[in-house]
Amino acid sequence: MEGVGWLMAIILGAIAGWIAEQIMKSNMGLLMNIILGIVGALVMNAILKAVGVIPPGGWIWQCVVAVAGACLLIFLWRVIAGRRAA
């Protein structure tokens, strides 16, 4: 996460993961929410940088980026898990 410390990254990860969980209507625990939020933020920041968009700084924008990334990860997991079940 850009511009935030480790403690804030964990807190933002938990918040972003929970919001993504609510948006995507999935059922996960607190630890998975934290992981999804942090990894989602890292993935989405990398994607934005790869396409030439500089993600804005600050914890509010990083929370928005983390929520979008966590939703993307949940979606990809459902796509992959759906193919295995078929």
PDB file of N, CA and C in Angstrom:
ATOM      1  N   MET A   1       0.848  -1.165   0.000  1.00  0.00           N
ATOM      2  CA  MET A   1       0.000   0.000   0.000  1.00  0.00           C
ATOM      3  C   MET A   1       0.897   1.232   0.000  1.00  0.00           C
ATOM      4  N   GLU A   2       0.563   2.143  -0.839  1.00  0.00           N
ATOM      5  CA  GLU A   2       1.373   3.337  -1.007  1.00  0.00           C
ATOM      6  C   GLU A   2       1.138   4.339   0.117  1.00  0.00           C
ATOM      7  N   GLY A   3       2.210   4.749   0.769  1.00  0.00           N
ATOM      8  CA  GLY A   3       2.144   5.849   1.709  1.00  0.00           C
ATOM      9  C   GLY A   3       1.527   5.570   3.059  1.00  0.00           C
ATOM     10  N   VAL A   4       1.337   4.313   3.417  1.00  0.00           N
ATOM     11  CA  VAL A   4       0.807   3.988   4.737  1.00  0.00           C
ATOM     12  C   VAL A   4       1.759   3.021   5.416  1.00  0.00           C
ATOM     13  N   GLY A   5       1.787   3.039   6.737  1.00  0.00           N
ATOM     14  CA  GLY A   5       2.651   2.132   7.485  1.00  0.00           C
ATOM     15  C   GLY A   5       2.043   0.740   7.598  1.00  0.00           C
ATOM     16  N   TRP A   6       2.783  -0.147   8.231  1.00  0.00           N
ATOM     17  CA  TRP A   6       2.331  -1.539   8.359  1.00  0.00           C
ATOM     18  C   TRP A   6       1.048  -1.669   9.164  1.00  0.00           C
ATOM     19  N   LEU A   7       0.961  -0.969  10.294  1.00  0.00           N
ATOM     20  CA  LEU A   7      -0.245  -1.054  11.127  1.00  0.00           C
ATOM     21  C   LEU A   7      -1.448  -0.528  10.367  1.00  0.00           C
ATOM     22  N   MET A   8      -1.278   0.591   9.688  1.00  0.00           N
ATOM     23  CA  MET A   8      -2.375   1.151   8.900  1.00  0.00           C
ATOM     24  C   MET A   8      -2.723   0.237   7.727  1.00  0.00           C
ATOM     25  N   ALA A   9      -1.735  -0.445   7.159  1.00  0.00           N
ATOM     26  CA  ALA A   9      -2.000  -1.384   6.065  1.00  0.00           C
ATOM     27  C   ALA A   9      -2.880  -2.530   6.549  1.00  0.00           C
ATOM     28  N   ILE A  10      -2.631  -3.006   7.756  1.00  0.00           N
ATOM     29  CA  ILE A  10      -3.449  -4.093   8.318  1.00  0.00           C
ATOM     30  C   ILE A  10      -4.870  -3.605   8.584  1.00  0.00           C
ATOM     31  N   ILE A  11      -4.981  -2.411   9.155  1.00  0.00           N
ATOM     32  CA  ILE A  11      -6.306  -1.857   9.438  1.00  0.00           C
ATOM     33  C   ILE A  11      -7.071  -1.596   8.143  1.00  0.00           C
ATOM     34  N   LEU A  12      -6.404  -0.958   7.172  1.00  0.00           N
ATOM     35  CA  LEU A  12      -7.046  -0.710   5.872  1.00  0.00           C
ATOM     36  C   LEU A  12      -7.381  -2.018   5.164  1.00  0.00           C
ATOM     37  N   GLY A  13      -6.500  -3.005   5.292  1.00  0.00           N
ATOM     38  CA  GLY A  13      -6.769  -4.314   4.687  1.00  0.00           C
ATOM     39  C   GLY A  13      -8.016  -4.944   5.252  1.00  0.00           C
ATOM     40  N   ALA A  14      -8.180  -4.854   6.565  1.00  0.00           N
ATOM     41  CA  ALA A  14      -9.376  -5.413   7.200  1.00  0.00           C
ATOM     42  C   ALA A  14     -10.632  -4.690   6.734  1.00  0.00           C
ATOM     43  N   ILE A  15     -10.563  -3.364   6.704  1.00  0.00           N
ATOM     44  CA  ILE A  15     -11.728  -2.577   6.268  1.00  0.00           C
ATOM     45  C   ILE A  15     -12.043  -2.857   4.807  1.00  0.00           C
ATOM     46  N   ALA A  16     -11.022  -2.813   3.958  1.00  0.00           N
ATOM     47  CA  ALA A  16     -11.230  -3.045   2.521  1.00  0.00           C
ATOM     48  C   ALA A  16     -11.724  -4.464   2.260  1.00  0.00           C
ATOM     49  N   GLY A  17     -11.154  -5.438   2.960  1.00  0.00           N
ATOM     50  CA  GLY A  17     -11.601  -6.820   2.797  1.00  0.00           C
ATOM     51  C   GLY A  17     -13.045  -6.999   3.210  1.00  0.00           C
ATOM     52  N   TRP A  18     -13.438  -6.353   4.320  1.00  0.00           N
ATOM     53  CA  TRP A  18     -14.820  -6.457   4.780  1.00  0.00           C
ATOM     54  C   TRP A  18     -15.775  -5.809   3.781  1.00  0.00           C
ATOM     55  N   ILE A  19     -15.402  -4.625   3.268  1.00  0.00           N
ATOM     56  CA  ILE A  19     -16.251  -3.952   2.285  1.00  0.00           C
ATOM     57  C   ILE A  19     -16.377  -4.805   1.019  1.00  0.00           C
ATOM     58  N   ALA A  20     -15.263  -5.366   0.567  1.00  0.00           N
ATOM     59  CA  ALA A  20     -15.299  -6.229  -0.624  1.00  0.00           C
ATOM     60  C   ALA A  20     -16.159  -7.464  -0.363  1.00  0.00           C
ATOM     61  N   GLU A  21     -16.066  -8.006   0.846  1.00  0.00           N
ATOM     62  CA  GLU A  21     -16.880  -9.160   1.228  1.00  0.00           C
ATOM     63  C   GLU A  21     -18.364  -8.821   1.134  1.00  0.00           C
ATOM     64  N   GLN A  22     -18.737  -7.625   1.564  1.00  0.00           N
ATOM     65  CA  GLN A  22     -20.130  -7.196   1.507  1.00  0.00           C
ATOM     66  C   GLN A  22     -20.577  -6.950   0.064  1.00  0.00           C
ATOM     67  N   ILE A  23     -19.721  -6.338  -0.741  1.00  0.00           N
ATOM     68  CA  ILE A  23     -20.050  -6.052  -2.137  1.00  0.00           C
ATOM     69  C   ILE A  23     -20.223  -7.346  -2.931  1.00  0.00           C
ATOM     70  N   MET A  24     -19.287  -8.276  -2.727  1.00  0.00           N
ATOM     71  CA  MET A  24     -19.288  -9.516  -3.512  1.00  0.00           C
ATOM     72  C   MET A  24     -20.153 -10.605  -2.886  1.00  0.00           C
ATOM     73  N   LYS A  25     -20.754 -10.324  -1.739  1.00  0.00           N
ATOM     74  CA  LYS A  25     -21.620 -11.265  -1.034  1.00  0.00           C
ATOM     75  C   LYS A  25     -20.925 -12.601  -0.797  1.00  0.00           C
ATOM     76  N   SER A  26     -19.733 -12.528  -0.237  1.00  0.00           N
ATOM     77  CA  SER A  26     -18.996 -13.727   0.131  1.00  0.00           C
ATOM     78  C   SER A  26     -18.934 -13.793   1.648  1.00  0.00           C
ATOM     79  N   ASN A  27     -18.556 -14.933   2.161  1.00  0.00           N
ATOM     80  CA  ASN A  27     -18.510 -15.116   3.603  1.00  0.00           C
ATOM     81  C   ASN A  27     -17.111 -15.563   3.994  1.00  0.00           C
ATOM     82  N   MET A  28     -16.332 -14.641   4.554  1.00  0.00           N
ATOM     83  CA  MET A  28     -14.960 -14.939   4.943  1.00  0.00           C
ATOM     84  C   MET A  28     -14.733 -14.429   6.352  1.00  0.00           C
ATOM     85  N   GLY A  29     -13.651 -14.847   6.947  1.00  0.00           N
ATOM     86  CA  GLY A  29     -13.331 -14.407   8.292  1.00  0.00           C
ATOM     87  C   GLY A  29     -12.469 -13.159   8.298  1.00  0.00           C
ATOM     88  N   LEU A  30     -12.159 -12.691   9.491  1.00  0.00           N
ATOM     89  CA  LEU A  30     -11.377 -11.475   9.654  1.00  0.00           C
ATOM     90  C   LEU A  30      -9.990 -11.609   9.044  1.00  0.00           C
ATOM     91  N   LEU A  31      -9.321 -12.727   9.286  1.00  0.00           N
ATOM     92  CA  LEU A  31      -7.967 -12.915   8.754  1.00  0.00           C
ATOM     93  C   LEU A  31      -7.974 -12.895   7.228  1.00  0.00           C
ATOM     94  N   MET A  32      -8.936 -13.556   6.621  1.00  0.00           N
ATOM     95  CA  MET A  32      -9.010 -13.569   5.153  1.00  0.00           C
ATOM     96  C   MET A  32      -9.353 -12.181   4.618  1.00  0.00           C
ATOM     97  N   ASN A  33     -10.175 -11.426   5.340  1.00  0.00           N
ATOM     98  CA  ASN A  33     -10.476 -10.056   4.932  1.00  0.00           C
ATOM     99  C   ASN A  33      -9.217  -9.204   4.925  1.00  0.00           C
ATOM    100  N   ILE A  34      -8.396  -9.341   5.965  1.00  0.00           N
ATOM    101  CA  ILE A  34      -7.145  -8.584   6.039  1.00  0.00           C
ATOM    102  C   ILE A  34      -6.231  -8.958   4.884  1.00  0.00           C
ATOM    103  N   ILE A  35      -6.086 -10.257   4.647  1.00  0.00           N
ATOM    104  CA  ILE A  35      -5.217 -10.733   3.562  1.00  0.00           C
ATOM    105  C   ILE A  35      -5.732 -10.237   2.215  1.00  0.00           C
ATOM    106  N   LEU A  36      -7.029 -10.381   1.975  1.00  0.00           N
ATOM    107  CA  LEU A  36      -7.604  -9.931   0.702  1.00  0.00           C
ATOM    108  C   LEU A  36      -7.437  -8.432   0.511  1.00  0.00           C
ATOM    109  N   GLY A  37      -7.627  -7.663   1.562  1.00  0.00           N
ATOM    110  CA  GLY A  37      -7.483  -6.211   1.454  1.00  0.00           C
ATOM    111  C   GLY A  37      -6.067  -5.799   1.135  1.00  0.00           C
ATOM    112  N   ILE A  38      -5.082  -6.395   1.824  1.00  0.00           N
ATOM    113  CA  ILE A  38      -3.684  -6.034   1.594  1.00  0.00           C
ATOM    114  C   ILE A  38      -3.217  -6.512   0.223  1.00  0.00           C
ATOM    115  N   VAL A  39      -3.476  -7.771  -0.087  1.00  0.00           N
ATOM    116  CA  VAL A  39      -3.052  -8.305  -1.387  1.00  0.00           C
ATOM    117  C   VAL A  39      -3.807  -7.609  -2.519  1.00  0.00           C
ATOM    118  N   GLY A  40      -5.085  -7.332  -2.303  1.00  0.00           N
ATOM    119  CA  GLY A  40      -5.872  -6.611  -3.299  1.00  0.00           C
ATOM    120  C   GLY A  40      -5.301  -5.235  -3.590  1.00  0.00           C
ATOM    121  N   ALA A  41      -4.862  -4.546  -2.534  1.00  0.00           N
ATOM    122  CA  ALA A  41      -4.253  -3.226  -2.723  1.00  0.00           C
ATOM    123  C   ALA A  41      -2.952  -3.340  -3.499  1.00  0.00           C
ATOM    124  N   LEU A  42      -2.136  -4.324  -3.173  1.00  0.00           N
ATOM    125  CA  LEU A  42      -0.871  -4.513  -3.887  1.00  0.00           C
ATOM    126  C   LEU A  42      -1.113  -4.829  -5.358  1.00  0.00           C
ATOM    127  N   VAL A  43      -2.071  -5.732  -5.608  1.00  0.00           N
ATOM    128  CA  VAL A  43      -2.377  -6.132  -6.984  1.00  0.00           C
ATOM    129  C   VAL A  43      -2.930  -4.951  -7.775  1.00  0.00           C
ATOM    130  N   MET A  44      -3.874  -4.238  -7.192  1.00  0.00           N
ATOM    131  CA  MET A  44      -4.488  -3.126  -7.921  1.00  0.00           C
ATOM    132  C   MET A  44      -3.506  -1.978  -8.132  1.00  0.00           C
ATOM    133  N   ASN A  45      -2.636  -1.705  -7.158  1.00  0.00           N
ATOM    134  CA  ASN A  45      -1.598  -0.689  -7.356  1.00  0.00           C
ATOM    135  C   ASN A  45      -0.671  -1.088  -8.500  1.00  0.00           C
ATOM    136  N   ALA A  46      -0.308  -2.369  -8.573  1.00  0.00           N
ATOM    137  CA  ALA A  46       0.557  -2.854  -9.651  1.00  0.00           C
ATOM    138  C   ALA A  46      -0.135  -2.730 -11.007  1.00  0.00           C
ATOM    139  N   ILE A  47      -1.411  -3.071 -11.059  1.00  0.00           N
ATOM    140  CA  ILE A  47      -2.166  -2.968 -12.309  1.00  0.00           C
ATOM    141  C   ILE A  47      -2.250  -1.512 -12.754  1.00  0.00           C
ATOM    142  N   LEU A  48      -2.562  -0.627 -11.815  1.00  0.00           N
ATOM    143  CA  LEU A  48      -2.672   0.795 -12.156  1.00  0.00           C
ATOM    144  C   LEU A  48      -1.346   1.346 -12.659  1.00  0.00           C
ATOM    145  N   LYS A  49      -0.252   0.979 -12.005  1.00  0.00           N
ATOM    146  CA  LYS A  49       1.065   1.444 -12.449  1.00  0.00           C
ATOM    147  C   LYS A  49       1.418   0.867 -13.812  1.00  0.00           C
ATOM    148  N   ALA A  50       1.029  -0.389 -14.073  1.00  0.00           N
ATOM    149  CA  ALA A  50       1.340  -1.038 -15.348  1.00  0.00           C
ATOM    150  C   ALA A  50       0.632  -0.352 -16.518  1.00  0.00           C
ATOM    151  N   VAL A  51      -0.558   0.182 -16.275  1.00  0.00           N
ATOM    152  CA  VAL A  51      -1.277   0.859 -17.352  1.00  0.00           C
ATOM    153  C   VAL A  51      -0.998   2.357 -17.374  1.00  0.00           C
ATOM    154  N   GLY A  52      -0.080   2.806 -16.522  1.00  0.00           N
ATOM    155  CA  GLY A  52       0.356   4.191 -16.559  1.00  0.00           C
ATOM    156  C   GLY A  52      -0.429   5.146 -15.676  1.00  0.00           C
ATOM    157  N   VAL A  53      -1.248   4.611 -14.796  1.00  0.00           N
ATOM    158  CA  VAL A  53      -2.010   5.452 -13.881  1.00  0.00           C
ATOM    159  C   VAL A  53      -1.292   5.457 -12.539  1.00  0.00           C
ATOM    160  N   ILE A  54      -1.017   6.629 -12.036  1.00  0.00           N
ATOM    161  CA  ILE A  54      -0.356   6.724 -10.739  1.00  0.00           C
ATOM    162  C   ILE A  54      -1.446   6.763  -9.670  1.00  0.00           C
ATOM    163  N   PRO A  55      -1.495   5.726  -8.816  1.00  0.00           N
ATOM    164  CA  PRO A  55      -2.534   5.709  -7.782  1.00  0.00           C
ATOM    165  C   PRO A  55      -2.351   6.883  -6.822  1.00  0.00           C
ATOM    166  N   PRO A  56      -3.440   7.533  -6.461  1.00  0.00           N
ATOM    167  CA  PRO A  56      -3.313   8.665  -5.542  1.00  0.00           C
ATOM    168  C   PRO A  56      -2.866   8.201  -4.158  1.00  0.00           C
ATOM    169  N   GLY A  57      -2.192   9.081  -3.449  1.00  0.00           N
ATOM    170  CA  GLY A  57      -1.731   8.761  -2.112  1.00  0.00           C
ATOM    171  C   GLY A  57      -2.817   9.010  -1.087  1.00  0.00           C
ATOM    172  N   GLY A  58      -2.507   8.696   0.146  1.00  0.00           N
ATOM    173  CA  GLY A  58      -3.462   8.899   1.223  1.00  0.00           C
ATOM    174  C   GLY A  58      -4.237   7.641   1.531  1.00  0.00           C
ATOM    175  N   TRP A  59      -4.653   7.551   2.775  1.00  0.00           N
ATOM    176  CA  TRP A  59      -5.282   6.303   3.207  1.00  0.00           C
ATOM    177  C   TRP A  59      -6.683   6.108   2.656  1.00  0.00           C
ATOM    178  N   ILE A  60      -7.422   7.176   2.355  1.00  0.00           N
ATOM    179  CA  ILE A  60      -8.769   7.000   1.801  1.00  0.00           C
ATOM    180  C   ILE A  60      -8.686   6.425   0.388  1.00  0.00           C
ATOM    181  N   TRP A  61      -7.798   6.996  -0.435  1.00  0.00           N
ATOM    182  CA  TRP A  61      -7.651   6.484  -1.802  1.00  0.00           C
ATOM    183  C   TRP A  61      -7.091   5.075  -1.806  1.00  0.00           C
ATOM    184  N   GLN A  62      -6.179   4.783  -0.895  1.00  0.00           N
ATOM    185  CA  GLN A  62      -5.635   3.434  -0.827  1.00  0.00           C
ATOM    186  C   GLN A  62      -6.700   2.436  -0.385  1.00  0.00           C
ATOM    187  N   CYS A  63      -7.641   2.872   0.433  1.00  0.00           N
ATOM    188  CA  CYS A  63      -8.752   2.004   0.818  1.00  0.00           C
ATOM    189  C   CYS A  63      -9.631   1.708  -0.398  1.00  0.00           C
ATOM    190  N   VAL A  64      -9.877   2.731  -1.216  1.00  0.00           N
ATOM    191  CA  VAL A  64     -10.674   2.531  -2.441  1.00  0.00           C
ATOM    192  C   VAL A  64      -9.957   1.565  -3.381  1.00  0.00           C
ATOM    193  N   VAL A  65      -8.657   1.748  -3.558  1.00  0.00           N
ATOM    194  CA  VAL A  65      -7.859   0.861  -4.409  1.00  0.00           C
ATOM    195  C   VAL A  65      -7.875  -0.562  -3.836  1.00  0.00           C
ATOM    196  N   ALA A  66      -7.757  -0.681  -2.510  1.00  0.00           N
ATOM    197  CA  ALA A  66      -7.753  -1.995  -1.868  1.00  0.00           C
ATOM    198  C   ALA A  66      -9.095  -2.698  -2.024  1.00  0.00           C
ATOM    199  N   VAL A  67     -10.187  -1.974  -1.912  1.00  0.00           N
ATOM    200  CA  VAL A  67     -11.521  -2.574  -2.094  1.00  0.00           C
ATOM    201  C   VAL A  67     -11.664  -3.082  -3.522  1.00  0.00           C
ATOM    202  N   ALA A  68     -11.258  -2.277  -4.496  1.00  0.00           N
ATOM    203  CA  ALA A  68     -11.340  -2.696  -5.900  1.00  0.00           C
ATOM    204  C   ALA A  68     -10.473  -3.928  -6.138  1.00  0.00           C
ATOM    205  N   GLY A  69      -9.273  -3.938  -5.583  1.00  0.00           N
ATOM    206  CA  GLY A  69      -8.389  -5.091  -5.746  1.00  0.00           C
ATOM    207  C   GLY A  69      -8.924  -6.333  -5.069  1.00  0.00           C
ATOM    208  N   ALA A  70      -9.496  -6.179  -3.871  1.00  0.00           N
ATOM    209  CA  ALA A  70     -10.059  -7.325  -3.164  1.00  0.00           C
ATOM    210  C   ALA A  70     -11.269  -7.888  -3.920  1.00  0.00           C
ATOM    211  N   CYS A  71     -12.098  -7.014  -4.470  1.00  0.00           N
ATOM    212  CA  CYS A  71     -13.236  -7.476  -5.284  1.00  0.00           C
ATOM    213  C   CYS A  71     -12.742  -8.239  -6.507  1.00  0.00           C
ATOM    214  N   LEU A  72     -11.687  -7.736  -7.122  1.00  0.00           N
ATOM    215  CA  LEU A  72     -11.092  -8.421  -8.273  1.00  0.00           C
ATOM    216  C   LEU A  72     -10.592  -9.806  -7.876  1.00  0.00           C
ATOM    217  N   LEU A  73      -9.927  -9.910  -6.736  1.00  0.00           N
ATOM    218  CA  LEU A  73      -9.429 -11.206  -6.285  1.00  0.00           C
ATOM    219  C   LEU A  73     -10.564 -12.184  -5.977  1.00  0.00           C
ATOM    220  N   ILE A  74     -11.623 -11.707  -5.351  1.00  0.00           N
ATOM    221  CA  ILE A  74     -12.778 -12.574  -5.076  1.00  0.00           C
ATOM    222  C   ILE A  74     -13.393 -13.051  -6.387  1.00  0.00           C
ATOM    223  N   PHE A  75     -13.535 -12.148  -7.348  1.00  0.00           N
ATOM    224  CA  PHE A  75     -14.086 -12.513  -8.651  1.00  0.00           C
ATOM    225  C   PHE A  75     -13.223 -13.565  -9.336  1.00  0.00           C
ATOM    226  N   LEU A  76     -11.905 -13.341  -9.342  1.00  0.00           N
ATOM    227  CA  LEU A  76     -11.007 -14.312  -9.975  1.00  0.00           C
ATOM    228  C   LEU A  76     -11.063 -15.660  -9.279  1.00  0.00           C
ATOM    229  N   TRP A  77     -11.156 -15.657  -7.955  1.00  0.00           N
ATOM    230  CA  TRP A  77     -11.262 -16.920  -7.218  1.00  0.00           C
ATOM    231  C   TRP A  77     -12.530 -17.671  -7.614  1.00  0.00           C
ATOM    232  N   ARG A  78     -13.630 -16.955  -7.758  1.00  0.00           N
ATOM    233  CA  ARG A  78     -14.881 -17.606  -8.159  1.00  0.00           C
ATOM    234  C   ARG A  78     -14.783 -18.173  -9.566  1.00  0.00           C
ATOM    235  N   VAL A  79     -14.108 -17.458 -10.470  1.00  0.00           N
ATOM    236  CA  VAL A  79     -13.930 -17.949 -11.837  1.00  0.00           C
ATOM    237  C   VAL A  79     -13.103 -19.233 -11.822  1.00  0.00           C
ATOM    238  N   ILE A  80     -12.001 -19.222 -11.077  1.00  0.00           N
ATOM    239  CA  ILE A  80     -11.125 -20.394 -11.024  1.00  0.00           C
ATOM    240  C   ILE A  80     -11.821 -21.560 -10.329  1.00  0.00           C
ATOM    241  N   ALA A  81     -12.468 -21.294  -9.212  1.00  0.00           N
ATOM    242  CA  ALA A  81     -13.150 -22.359  -8.471  1.00  0.00           C
ATOM    243  C   ALA A  81     -14.325 -22.910  -9.271  1.00  0.00           C
ATOM    244  N   GLY A  82     -14.988 -22.053 -10.036  1.00  0.00           N
ATOM    245  CA  GLY A  82     -16.118 -22.483 -10.863  1.00  0.00           C
ATOM    246  C   GLY A  82     -15.671 -23.416 -11.981  1.00  0.00           C
ATOM    247  N   ARG A  83     -14.494 -23.180 -12.528  1.00  0.00           N
ATOM    248  CA  ARG A  83     -13.976 -24.049 -13.596  1.00  0.00           C
ATOM    249  C   ARG A  83     -13.597 -25.411 -13.043  1.00  0.00           C
ATOM    250  N   ARG A  84     -13.073 -25.449 -11.821  1.00  0.00           N
ATOM    251  CA  ARG A  84     -12.701 -26.731 -11.233  1.00  0.00           C
ATOM    252  C   ARG A  84     -13.932 -27.578 -10.921  1.00  0.00           C
ATOM    253  N   ALA A  85     -15.019 -26.933 -10.517  1.00  0.00           N
ATOM    254  CA  ALA A  85     -16.231 -27.665 -10.150  1.00  0.00           C
ATOM    255  C   ALA A  85     -16.939 -28.223 -11.377  1.00  0.00           C
ATOM    256  N   ALA A  86     -16.734 -27.608 -12.531  1.00  0.00           N
ATOM    257  CA  ALA A  86     -17.451 -28.030 -13.750  1.00  0.00           C
ATOM    258  C   ALA A  86     -16.839 -29.203 -14.406  1.00  0.00           C
TER     259      ALA A  86
END
